[in-house]
Amino acid sequence: MFTLIHAFANYLLAVPIRKRVDIIALLIASILPDLEGLYYTSAAYDACAGELACMAAYPSHYVLHSFFGIFLIVAPLTAVILILMKKYGVLKSINVRTAYLSALAGGLLHVAADATYHKGADALYLLWPAQQQFSFAFEGSHTLWAALAGVGLFAFILFEKKRIEAMLKR
């Protein structure tokens, strides 16, 4: 699934509670699990001789697409990223607890979306390091998440317009 779909679909799901959520943490954690795929790109290329359809189906959802990875890697890494952003003046302030909980939400929503999309050899190892794969894929799940992301992008622009304008005026 295209990585940015996660960010904007997760934003849409967080709109009702956006005042209590660290949106930046939610968005970062919504994207981080897919960095795992970069690690497997070389192996996929070698195994598939560069054939794109084969490479897209190549298994790449392990640690960062598991509950272990979300709780112990993605959420803490997101908090560290935000702390560094504050240290270097990108953010004015940060509530680490809210950032961590928002990152958990973003990471778990990412995994939930992928679990409804990926199947077969690319199904998720939700309970990693256990080697059992899980898939709750259903027909039309990709369309559902793409639609949520489209509406989420519109909602992001609508609700975060002032923050976006402030960032662009730097």
N, C-alpha and C. Protein backbone atom coordinates (compact mmCIF):
# COMPACT_ATOMS: atom_id res chain seq x y z
N MET A 1 0.84 -1.17 0.00
CA MET A 1 0.00 0.00 0.00
C MET A 1 0.89 1.24 0.00
N PHE A 2 0.55 2.23 -0.76
CA PHE A 2 1.33 3.45 -0.86
C PHE A 2 1.42 4.12 0.51
N THR A 3 2.62 4.47 0.93
CA THR A 3 2.90 4.92 2.29
C THR A 3 2.10 6.15 2.70
N LEU A 4 1.94 7.13 1.84
CA LEU A 4 1.22 8.34 2.24
C LEU A 4 -0.27 8.09 2.48
N ILE A 5 -0.78 7.00 1.93
CA ILE A 5 -2.18 6.65 2.22
C ILE A 5 -2.34 6.46 3.72
N HIS A 6 -1.36 5.86 4.36
CA HIS A 6 -1.44 5.64 5.81
C HIS A 6 -1.54 6.97 6.57
N ALA A 7 -0.69 7.90 6.22
CA ALA A 7 -0.65 9.17 6.95
C ALA A 7 -1.98 9.90 6.89
N PHE A 8 -2.56 10.05 5.71
CA PHE A 8 -3.78 10.83 5.60
C PHE A 8 -5.02 10.06 6.03
N ALA A 9 -5.04 8.74 5.83
CA ALA A 9 -6.16 7.95 6.36
C ALA A 9 -6.15 8.00 7.88
N ASN A 10 -4.96 7.89 8.48
CA ASN A 10 -4.85 7.95 9.94
C ASN A 10 -5.22 9.34 10.46
N TYR A 11 -4.84 10.37 9.72
CA TYR A 11 -5.23 11.73 10.12
C TYR A 11 -6.75 11.84 10.14
N LEU A 12 -7.41 11.33 9.09
CA LEU A 12 -8.87 11.39 9.05
C LEU A 12 -9.48 10.69 10.25
N LEU A 13 -8.95 9.52 10.59
CA LEU A 13 -9.48 8.78 11.74
C LEU A 13 -9.24 9.52 13.05
N ALA A 14 -8.23 10.39 13.09
CA ALA A 14 -7.92 11.15 14.30
C ALA A 14 -8.60 12.51 14.36
N VAL A 15 -9.31 12.91 13.31
CA VAL A 15 -9.94 14.24 13.28
C VAL A 15 -10.82 14.49 14.50
N PRO A 16 -11.66 13.55 14.92
CA PRO A 16 -12.52 13.85 16.08
C PRO A 16 -11.73 14.16 17.36
N ILE A 17 -10.53 13.67 17.47
CA ILE A 17 -9.75 13.90 18.70
C ILE A 17 -8.47 14.67 18.40
N ARG A 18 -8.41 15.38 17.27
CA ARG A 18 -7.18 16.02 16.83
C ARG A 18 -6.64 17.05 17.81
N LYS A 19 -7.48 17.62 18.66
CA LYS A 19 -7.01 18.60 19.65
C LYS A 19 -6.21 17.93 20.76
N ARG A 20 -6.43 16.62 20.97
CA ARG A 20 -5.73 15.88 22.03
C ARG A 20 -4.61 14.99 21.51
N VAL A 21 -4.40 15.01 20.21
CA VAL A 21 -3.40 14.14 19.59
C VAL A 21 -2.26 14.99 19.06
N ASP A 22 -1.05 14.48 19.16
CA ASP A 22 0.09 15.14 18.53
C ASP A 22 0.08 14.68 17.07
N ILE A 23 -0.41 15.56 16.20
CA ILE A 23 -0.61 15.21 14.80
C ILE A 23 0.71 14.85 14.13
N ILE A 24 1.77 15.57 14.46
CA ILE A 24 3.07 15.28 13.84
C ILE A 24 3.52 13.87 14.22
N ALA A 25 3.37 13.50 15.49
CA ALA A 25 3.74 12.15 15.94
C ALA A 25 2.89 11.10 15.23
N LEU A 26 1.60 11.37 15.11
CA LEU A 26 0.69 10.44 14.42
C LEU A 26 1.13 10.22 12.98
N LEU A 27 1.46 11.31 12.28
CA LEU A 27 1.84 11.19 10.88
C LEU A 27 3.19 10.50 10.71
N ILE A 28 4.16 10.84 11.55
CA ILE A 28 5.48 10.19 11.45
C ILE A 28 5.35 8.69 11.70
N ALA A 29 4.63 8.32 12.76
CA ALA A 29 4.48 6.90 13.09
C ALA A 29 3.63 6.17 12.05
N SER A 30 2.80 6.88 11.33
CA SER A 30 2.00 6.27 10.26
C SER A 30 2.86 5.88 9.08
N ILE A 31 4.01 6.53 8.94
CA ILE A 31 4.90 6.30 7.80
C ILE A 31 6.07 5.39 8.15
N LEU A 32 6.59 5.49 9.38
CA LEU A 32 7.80 4.76 9.76
C LEU A 32 7.78 3.25 9.48
N PRO A 33 6.69 2.53 9.72
CA PRO A 33 6.75 1.09 9.46
C PRO A 33 7.14 0.72 8.02
N ASP A 34 6.80 1.58 7.07
CA ASP A 34 7.12 1.26 5.68
C ASP A 34 8.59 1.46 5.35
N LEU A 35 9.36 2.07 6.23
CA LEU A 35 10.80 2.16 6.01
C LEU A 35 11.43 0.78 6.03
N GLU A 36 10.76 -0.15 6.68
CA GLU A 36 11.23 -1.54 6.70
C GLU A 36 11.34 -2.09 5.28
N GLY A 37 10.42 -1.68 4.43
CA GLY A 37 10.44 -2.14 3.04
C GLY A 37 11.69 -1.74 2.30
N LEU A 38 12.26 -0.59 2.65
CA LEU A 38 13.51 -0.15 2.01
C LEU A 38 14.64 -1.15 2.26
N TYR A 39 14.62 -1.72 3.44
CA TYR A 39 15.64 -2.70 3.80
C TYR A 39 15.57 -3.93 2.88
N TYR A 40 14.35 -4.30 2.50
CA TYR A 40 14.16 -5.51 1.70
C TYR A 40 14.17 -5.26 0.19
N THR A 41 14.29 -4.01 -0.23
CA THR A 41 14.25 -3.68 -1.65
C THR A 41 15.34 -4.38 -2.44
N SER A 42 16.54 -4.39 -1.92
CA SER A 42 17.65 -5.04 -2.61
C SER A 42 17.41 -6.53 -2.79
N ALA A 43 16.95 -7.19 -1.72
CA ALA A 43 16.67 -8.62 -1.79
C ALA A 43 15.54 -8.89 -2.78
N ALA A 44 14.52 -8.04 -2.78
CA ALA A 44 13.40 -8.21 -3.71
C ALA A 44 13.88 -8.05 -5.14
N TYR A 45 14.73 -7.08 -5.38
CA TYR A 45 15.25 -6.85 -6.72
C TYR A 45 16.03 -8.08 -7.21
N ASP A 46 16.88 -8.60 -6.33
CA ASP A 46 17.67 -9.77 -6.69
C ASP A 46 16.79 -10.99 -6.94
N ALA A 47 15.81 -11.22 -6.08
CA ALA A 47 14.95 -12.40 -6.20
C ALA A 47 14.01 -12.31 -7.39
N CYS A 48 13.64 -11.10 -7.76
CA CYS A 48 12.63 -10.92 -8.82
C CYS A 48 13.22 -10.44 -10.14
N ALA A 49 14.53 -10.33 -10.20
CA ALA A 49 15.21 -9.89 -11.41
C ALA A 49 14.64 -8.56 -11.92
N GLY A 50 14.25 -7.70 -11.01
CA GLY A 50 13.77 -6.37 -11.37
C GLY A 50 12.33 -6.30 -11.82
N GLU A 51 11.60 -7.41 -11.85
CA GLU A 51 10.20 -7.40 -12.28
C GLU A 51 9.35 -6.73 -11.19
N LEU A 52 8.70 -5.62 -11.53
CA LEU A 52 8.00 -4.80 -10.54
C LEU A 52 6.86 -5.52 -9.83
N ALA A 53 6.06 -6.29 -10.56
CA ALA A 53 4.94 -6.98 -9.93
C ALA A 53 5.45 -7.98 -8.89
N CYS A 54 6.51 -8.67 -9.22
CA CYS A 54 7.11 -9.62 -8.28
C CYS A 54 7.67 -8.89 -7.07
N MET A 55 8.37 -7.76 -7.32
CA MET A 55 8.97 -7.00 -6.23
C MET A 55 7.91 -6.44 -5.28
N ALA A 56 6.75 -6.02 -5.83
CA ALA A 56 5.68 -5.48 -5.00
C ALA A 56 5.10 -6.54 -4.08
N ALA A 57 5.13 -7.79 -4.51
CA ALA A 57 4.59 -8.89 -3.70
C ALA A 57 5.64 -9.53 -2.80
N TYR A 58 6.89 -9.08 -2.92
CA TYR A 58 7.98 -9.66 -2.13
C TYR A 58 7.74 -9.36 -0.64
N PRO A 59 7.87 -10.36 0.23
CA PRO A 59 7.64 -10.13 1.66
C PRO A 59 8.54 -9.04 2.24
N SER A 60 7.91 -8.08 2.92
CA SER A 60 8.69 -6.99 3.51
C SER A 60 8.03 -6.45 4.77
N HIS A 61 7.19 -7.23 5.39
CA HIS A 61 6.45 -6.77 6.57
C HIS A 61 6.77 -7.66 7.76
N TYR A 62 7.79 -7.29 8.47
CA TYR A 62 8.23 -8.10 9.61
C TYR A 62 8.16 -7.30 10.91
N VAL A 63 9.29 -6.92 11.46
CA VAL A 63 9.38 -6.33 12.79
C VAL A 63 8.57 -5.05 12.93
N LEU A 64 8.74 -4.09 12.04
CA LEU A 64 8.05 -2.81 12.18
C LEU A 64 6.55 -2.89 11.89
N HIS A 65 6.12 -4.01 11.36
CA HIS A 65 4.69 -4.23 11.14
C HIS A 65 4.13 -5.22 12.16
N SER A 66 4.72 -5.24 13.34
CA SER A 66 4.26 -6.12 14.42
C SER A 66 3.96 -5.27 15.65
N PHE A 67 3.25 -5.85 16.60
CA PHE A 67 2.96 -5.13 17.84
C PHE A 67 4.26 -4.80 18.58
N PHE A 68 5.19 -5.74 18.57
CA PHE A 68 6.51 -5.52 19.17
C PHE A 68 7.17 -4.30 18.55
N GLY A 69 7.19 -4.24 17.24
CA GLY A 69 7.84 -3.14 16.53
C GLY A 69 7.19 -1.80 16.77
N ILE A 70 5.85 -1.79 16.84
CA ILE A 70 5.14 -0.53 17.07
C ILE A 70 5.42 -0.01 18.47
N PHE A 71 5.28 -0.86 19.48
CA PHE A 71 5.44 -0.43 20.87
C PHE A 71 6.89 -0.13 21.24
N LEU A 72 7.83 -0.93 20.73
CA LEU A 72 9.21 -0.80 21.18
C LEU A 72 10.18 -0.15 20.20
N ILE A 73 9.75 0.08 18.97
CA ILE A 73 10.63 0.73 18.01
C ILE A 73 9.98 1.98 17.41
N VAL A 74 8.83 1.82 16.77
CA VAL A 74 8.19 2.93 16.05
C VAL A 74 7.80 4.07 16.98
N ALA A 75 7.05 3.79 18.04
CA ALA A 75 6.61 4.86 18.94
C ALA A 75 7.78 5.54 19.65
N PRO A 76 8.73 4.79 20.23
CA PRO A 76 9.88 5.48 20.85
C PRO A 76 10.72 6.27 19.83
N LEU A 77 10.92 5.72 18.63
CA LEU A 77 11.69 6.43 17.61
C LEU A 77 10.98 7.72 17.21
N THR A 78 9.68 7.68 17.11
CA THR A 78 8.91 8.88 16.80
C THR A 78 9.10 9.93 17.89
N ALA A 79 9.04 9.50 19.15
CA ALA A 79 9.26 10.45 20.25
C ALA A 79 10.66 11.05 20.18
N VAL A 80 11.66 10.25 19.86
CA VAL A 80 13.03 10.76 19.73
C VAL A 80 13.11 11.77 18.59
N ILE A 81 12.47 11.47 17.48
CA ILE A 81 12.47 12.40 16.34
C ILE A 81 11.86 13.74 16.76
N LEU A 82 10.75 13.69 17.49
CA LEU A 82 10.11 14.93 17.93
C LEU A 82 10.97 15.69 18.93
N ILE A 83 11.63 14.98 19.82
CA ILE A 83 12.53 15.63 20.77
C ILE A 83 13.67 16.33 20.02
N LEU A 84 14.21 15.68 19.01
CA LEU A 84 15.26 16.29 18.20
C LEU A 84 14.72 17.49 17.41
N MET A 85 13.50 17.39 16.93
CA MET A 85 12.89 18.52 16.23
C MET A 85 12.74 19.72 17.17
N LYS A 86 12.39 19.46 18.41
CA LYS A 86 12.29 20.54 19.40
C LYS A 86 13.67 21.11 19.70
N LYS A 87 14.64 20.24 19.88
CA LYS A 87 16.00 20.68 20.20
C LYS A 87 16.56 21.59 19.12
N TYR A 88 16.27 21.28 17.86
CA TYR A 88 16.80 22.07 16.76
C TYR A 88 15.85 23.17 16.29
N GLY A 89 14.84 23.47 17.09
CA GLY A 89 13.98 24.62 16.83
C GLY A 89 12.88 24.42 15.81
N VAL A 90 12.65 23.19 15.37
CA VAL A 90 11.57 22.95 14.42
C VAL A 90 10.21 22.97 15.13
N LEU A 91 10.18 22.47 16.35
CA LEU A 91 8.97 22.49 17.18
C LEU A 91 9.19 23.40 18.38
N LYS A 92 8.12 24.08 18.80
CA LYS A 92 8.21 24.96 19.96
C LYS A 92 8.17 24.17 21.26
N SER A 93 7.31 23.17 21.31
CA SER A 93 7.19 22.37 22.53
C SER A 93 6.74 20.96 22.17
N ILE A 94 6.87 20.08 23.14
CA ILE A 94 6.46 18.69 22.93
C ILE A 94 6.04 18.09 24.27
N ASN A 95 4.94 17.37 24.24
CA ASN A 95 4.52 16.58 25.38
C ASN A 95 4.87 15.13 25.02
N VAL A 96 5.90 14.60 25.64
CA VAL A 96 6.43 13.29 25.25
C VAL A 96 5.37 12.20 25.43
N ARG A 97 4.59 12.27 26.49
CA ARG A 97 3.54 11.25 26.72
C ARG A 97 2.52 11.28 25.59
N THR A 98 2.04 12.47 25.25
CA THR A 98 1.06 12.61 24.17
C THR A 98 1.67 12.17 22.84
N ALA A 99 2.93 12.54 22.62
CA ALA A 99 3.61 12.15 21.39
C ALA A 99 3.72 10.63 21.29
N TYR A 100 4.11 9.98 22.39
CA TYR A 100 4.25 8.52 22.38
C TYR A 100 2.89 7.85 22.12
N LEU A 101 1.85 8.31 22.81
CA LEU A 101 0.52 7.71 22.62
C LEU A 101 -0.01 7.97 21.21
N SER A 102 0.26 9.15 20.67
CA SER A 102 -0.15 9.47 19.30
C SER A 102 0.61 8.60 18.31
N ALA A 103 1.90 8.38 18.59
CA ALA A 103 2.70 7.51 17.74
C ALA A 103 2.20 6.07 17.79
N LEU A 104 1.81 5.63 18.98
CA LEU A 104 1.22 4.28 19.08
C LEU A 104 -0.01 4.18 18.21
N ALA A 105 -0.87 5.19 18.28
CA ALA A 105 -2.09 5.19 17.47
C ALA A 105 -1.74 5.16 15.98
N GLY A 106 -0.81 5.99 15.56
CA GLY A 106 -0.42 6.02 14.15
C GLY A 106 0.16 4.70 13.68
N GLY A 107 1.03 4.11 14.50
CA GLY A 107 1.64 2.83 14.13
C GLY A 107 0.62 1.69 14.11
N LEU A 108 -0.24 1.65 15.11
CA LEU A 108 -1.25 0.58 15.16
C LEU A 108 -2.26 0.71 14.03
N LEU A 109 -2.63 1.94 13.68
CA LEU A 109 -3.54 2.13 12.55
C LEU A 109 -2.86 1.72 11.24
N HIS A 110 -1.57 1.96 11.12
CA HIS A 110 -0.82 1.52 9.94
C HIS A 110 -0.89 0.00 9.82
N VAL A 111 -0.62 -0.67 10.92
CA VAL A 111 -0.64 -2.14 10.92
C VAL A 111 -2.05 -2.66 10.64
N ALA A 112 -3.06 -2.01 11.21
CA ALA A 112 -4.44 -2.43 10.95
C ALA A 112 -4.78 -2.31 9.46
N ALA A 113 -4.37 -1.21 8.85
CA ALA A 113 -4.63 -1.03 7.42
C ALA A 113 -3.90 -2.08 6.60
N ASP A 114 -2.62 -2.29 6.90
CA ASP A 114 -1.86 -3.29 6.13
C ASP A 114 -2.39 -4.70 6.33
N ALA A 115 -2.89 -4.99 7.51
CA ALA A 115 -3.44 -6.33 7.77
C ALA A 115 -4.69 -6.61 6.94
N THR A 116 -5.39 -5.53 6.53
CA THR A 116 -6.58 -5.72 5.70
C THR A 116 -6.24 -5.72 4.21
N TYR A 117 -4.98 -5.48 3.90
CA TYR A 117 -4.58 -5.38 2.51
C TYR A 117 -3.62 -6.48 2.06
N HIS A 118 -2.59 -6.74 2.85
CA HIS A 118 -1.55 -7.70 2.45
C HIS A 118 -1.98 -9.13 2.77
N LYS A 119 -1.63 -10.03 1.85
CA LYS A 119 -1.99 -11.43 2.04
C LYS A 119 -0.91 -12.32 1.46
N GLY A 120 -1.07 -13.60 1.63
CA GLY A 120 -0.11 -14.56 1.08
C GLY A 120 1.26 -14.41 1.73
N ALA A 121 2.30 -14.45 0.91
CA ALA A 121 3.67 -14.37 1.42
C ALA A 121 3.97 -13.02 2.04
N ASP A 122 3.17 -12.00 1.72
CA ASP A 122 3.40 -10.65 2.24
C ASP A 122 2.47 -10.31 3.41
N ALA A 123 1.81 -11.31 3.97
CA ALA A 123 0.98 -11.08 5.15
C ALA A 123 1.87 -10.65 6.32
N LEU A 124 1.27 -10.08 7.33
CA LEU A 124 2.04 -9.50 8.43
C LEU A 124 2.36 -10.51 9.52
N TYR A 125 3.51 -10.33 10.14
CA TYR A 125 3.91 -11.09 11.32
C TYR A 125 3.54 -10.24 12.54
N LEU A 126 2.26 -10.14 12.83
CA LEU A 126 1.78 -9.26 13.90
C LEU A 126 2.39 -9.58 15.25
N LEU A 127 2.67 -10.85 15.49
CA LEU A 127 3.20 -11.26 16.79
C LEU A 127 4.69 -11.58 16.70
N TRP A 128 5.39 -10.91 15.78
CA TRP A 128 6.82 -11.12 15.64
C TRP A 128 7.47 -11.04 17.02
N PRO A 129 8.36 -11.96 17.37
CA PRO A 129 9.15 -12.86 16.56
C PRO A 129 8.48 -14.20 16.23
N ALA A 130 7.25 -14.41 16.70
CA ALA A 130 6.54 -15.64 16.30
C ALA A 130 6.40 -15.62 14.78
N GLN A 131 6.54 -16.76 14.16
CA GLN A 131 6.57 -16.83 12.71
C GLN A 131 5.21 -17.08 12.07
N GLN A 132 4.14 -16.79 12.78
CA GLN A 132 2.80 -16.94 12.22
C GLN A 132 2.40 -15.64 11.52
N GLN A 133 1.91 -15.76 10.29
CA GLN A 133 1.49 -14.60 9.53
C GLN A 133 -0.02 -14.40 9.67
N PHE A 134 -0.43 -13.14 9.63
CA PHE A 134 -1.84 -12.79 9.75
C PHE A 134 -2.25 -11.92 8.57
N SER A 135 -3.44 -12.19 8.06
CA SER A 135 -4.01 -11.36 7.01
C SER A 135 -5.52 -11.31 7.20
N PHE A 136 -6.05 -10.12 7.15
CA PHE A 136 -7.50 -9.92 7.22
C PHE A 136 -7.95 -9.23 5.95
N ALA A 137 -7.26 -9.56 4.85
CA ALA A 137 -7.50 -8.91 3.57
C ALA A 137 -8.91 -9.19 3.08
N PHE A 138 -9.48 -8.17 2.46
CA PHE A 138 -10.79 -8.32 1.85
C PHE A 138 -10.82 -7.52 0.55
N GLU A 139 -11.69 -7.92 -0.34
CA GLU A 139 -11.81 -7.25 -1.63
C GLU A 139 -12.23 -5.80 -1.42
N GLY A 140 -11.51 -4.91 -2.04
CA GLY A 140 -11.84 -3.49 -1.95
C GLY A 140 -11.15 -2.75 -0.81
N SER A 141 -10.30 -3.43 -0.05
CA SER A 141 -9.65 -2.76 1.08
C SER A 141 -8.73 -1.63 0.60
N HIS A 142 -8.05 -1.85 -0.52
CA HIS A 142 -7.16 -0.81 -1.03
C HIS A 142 -7.97 0.43 -1.43
N THR A 143 -9.12 0.22 -2.05
CA THR A 143 -9.99 1.33 -2.43
C THR A 143 -10.51 2.06 -1.20
N LEU A 144 -10.87 1.30 -0.18
CA LEU A 144 -11.34 1.91 1.07
C LEU A 144 -10.28 2.81 1.67
N TRP A 145 -9.05 2.30 1.81
CA TRP A 145 -7.98 3.09 2.43
C TRP A 145 -7.59 4.27 1.55
N ALA A 146 -7.63 4.11 0.24
CA ALA A 146 -7.32 5.23 -0.66
C ALA A 146 -8.38 6.32 -0.53
N ALA A 147 -9.64 5.92 -0.42
CA ALA A 147 -10.72 6.91 -0.24
C ALA A 147 -10.57 7.63 1.09
N LEU A 148 -10.27 6.89 2.16
CA LEU A 148 -10.05 7.51 3.47
C LEU A 148 -8.88 8.50 3.40
N ALA A 149 -7.84 8.13 2.67
CA ALA A 149 -6.68 9.01 2.54
C ALA A 149 -7.02 10.27 1.76
N GLY A 150 -7.81 10.14 0.72
CA GLY A 150 -8.21 11.31 -0.05
C GLY A 150 -9.01 12.29 0.78
N VAL A 151 -9.98 11.77 1.51
CA VAL A 151 -10.76 12.63 2.41
C VAL A 151 -9.87 13.17 3.52
N GLY A 152 -8.95 12.34 4.00
CA GLY A 152 -8.02 12.76 5.05
C GLY A 152 -7.11 13.88 4.59
N LEU A 153 -6.63 13.82 3.35
CA LEU A 153 -5.80 14.89 2.81
C LEU A 153 -6.60 16.20 2.76
N PHE A 154 -7.83 16.12 2.30
CA PHE A 154 -8.70 17.30 2.27
C PHE A 154 -8.91 17.84 3.69
N ALA A 155 -9.19 16.95 4.64
CA ALA A 155 -9.39 17.37 6.03
C ALA A 155 -8.11 17.97 6.61
N PHE A 156 -6.97 17.39 6.28
CA PHE A 156 -5.68 17.91 6.75
C PHE A 156 -5.48 19.35 6.28
N ILE A 157 -5.71 19.59 5.00
CA ILE A 157 -5.56 20.94 4.45
C ILE A 157 -6.55 21.89 5.09
N LEU A 158 -7.78 21.45 5.26
CA LEU A 158 -8.83 22.28 5.85
C LEU A 158 -8.53 22.63 7.31
N PHE A 159 -8.21 21.62 8.11
CA PHE A 159 -8.04 21.83 9.55
C PHE A 159 -6.65 22.33 9.94
N GLU A 160 -5.66 22.05 9.13
CA GLU A 160 -4.29 22.41 9.47
C GLU A 160 -3.77 23.56 8.60
N LYS A 161 -4.69 24.27 7.96
CA LYS A 161 -4.31 25.33 7.03
C LYS A 161 -3.39 26.37 7.67
N LYS A 162 -3.72 26.84 8.85
CA LYS A 162 -2.90 27.87 9.50
C LYS A 162 -1.50 27.35 9.81
N ARG A 163 -1.40 26.11 10.28
CA ARG A 163 -0.08 25.53 10.56
C ARG A 163 0.72 25.38 9.28
N ILE A 164 0.07 24.96 8.20
CA ILE A 164 0.76 24.80 6.92
C ILE A 164 1.23 26.16 6.41
N GLU A 165 0.37 27.18 6.47
CA GLU A 165 0.75 28.52 6.03
C GLU A 165 1.91 29.06 6.83
N ALA A 166 1.90 28.82 8.14
CA ALA A 166 3.00 29.29 9.00
C ALA A 166 4.31 28.60 8.62
N MET A 167 4.23 27.32 8.27
CA MET A 167 5.44 26.59 7.87
C MET A 167 5.97 27.11 6.54
N LEU A 168 5.08 27.49 5.62
CA LEU A 168 5.51 27.94 4.30
C LEU A 168 6.04 29.36 4.31
N LYS A 169 5.70 30.15 5.31
CA LYS A 169 6.16 31.54 5.38
C LYS A 169 7.53 31.68 6.00
N ARG A 170 8.16 30.62 6.40
CA ARG A 170 9.48 30.69 7.05
C ARG A 170 10.49 31.28 6.17
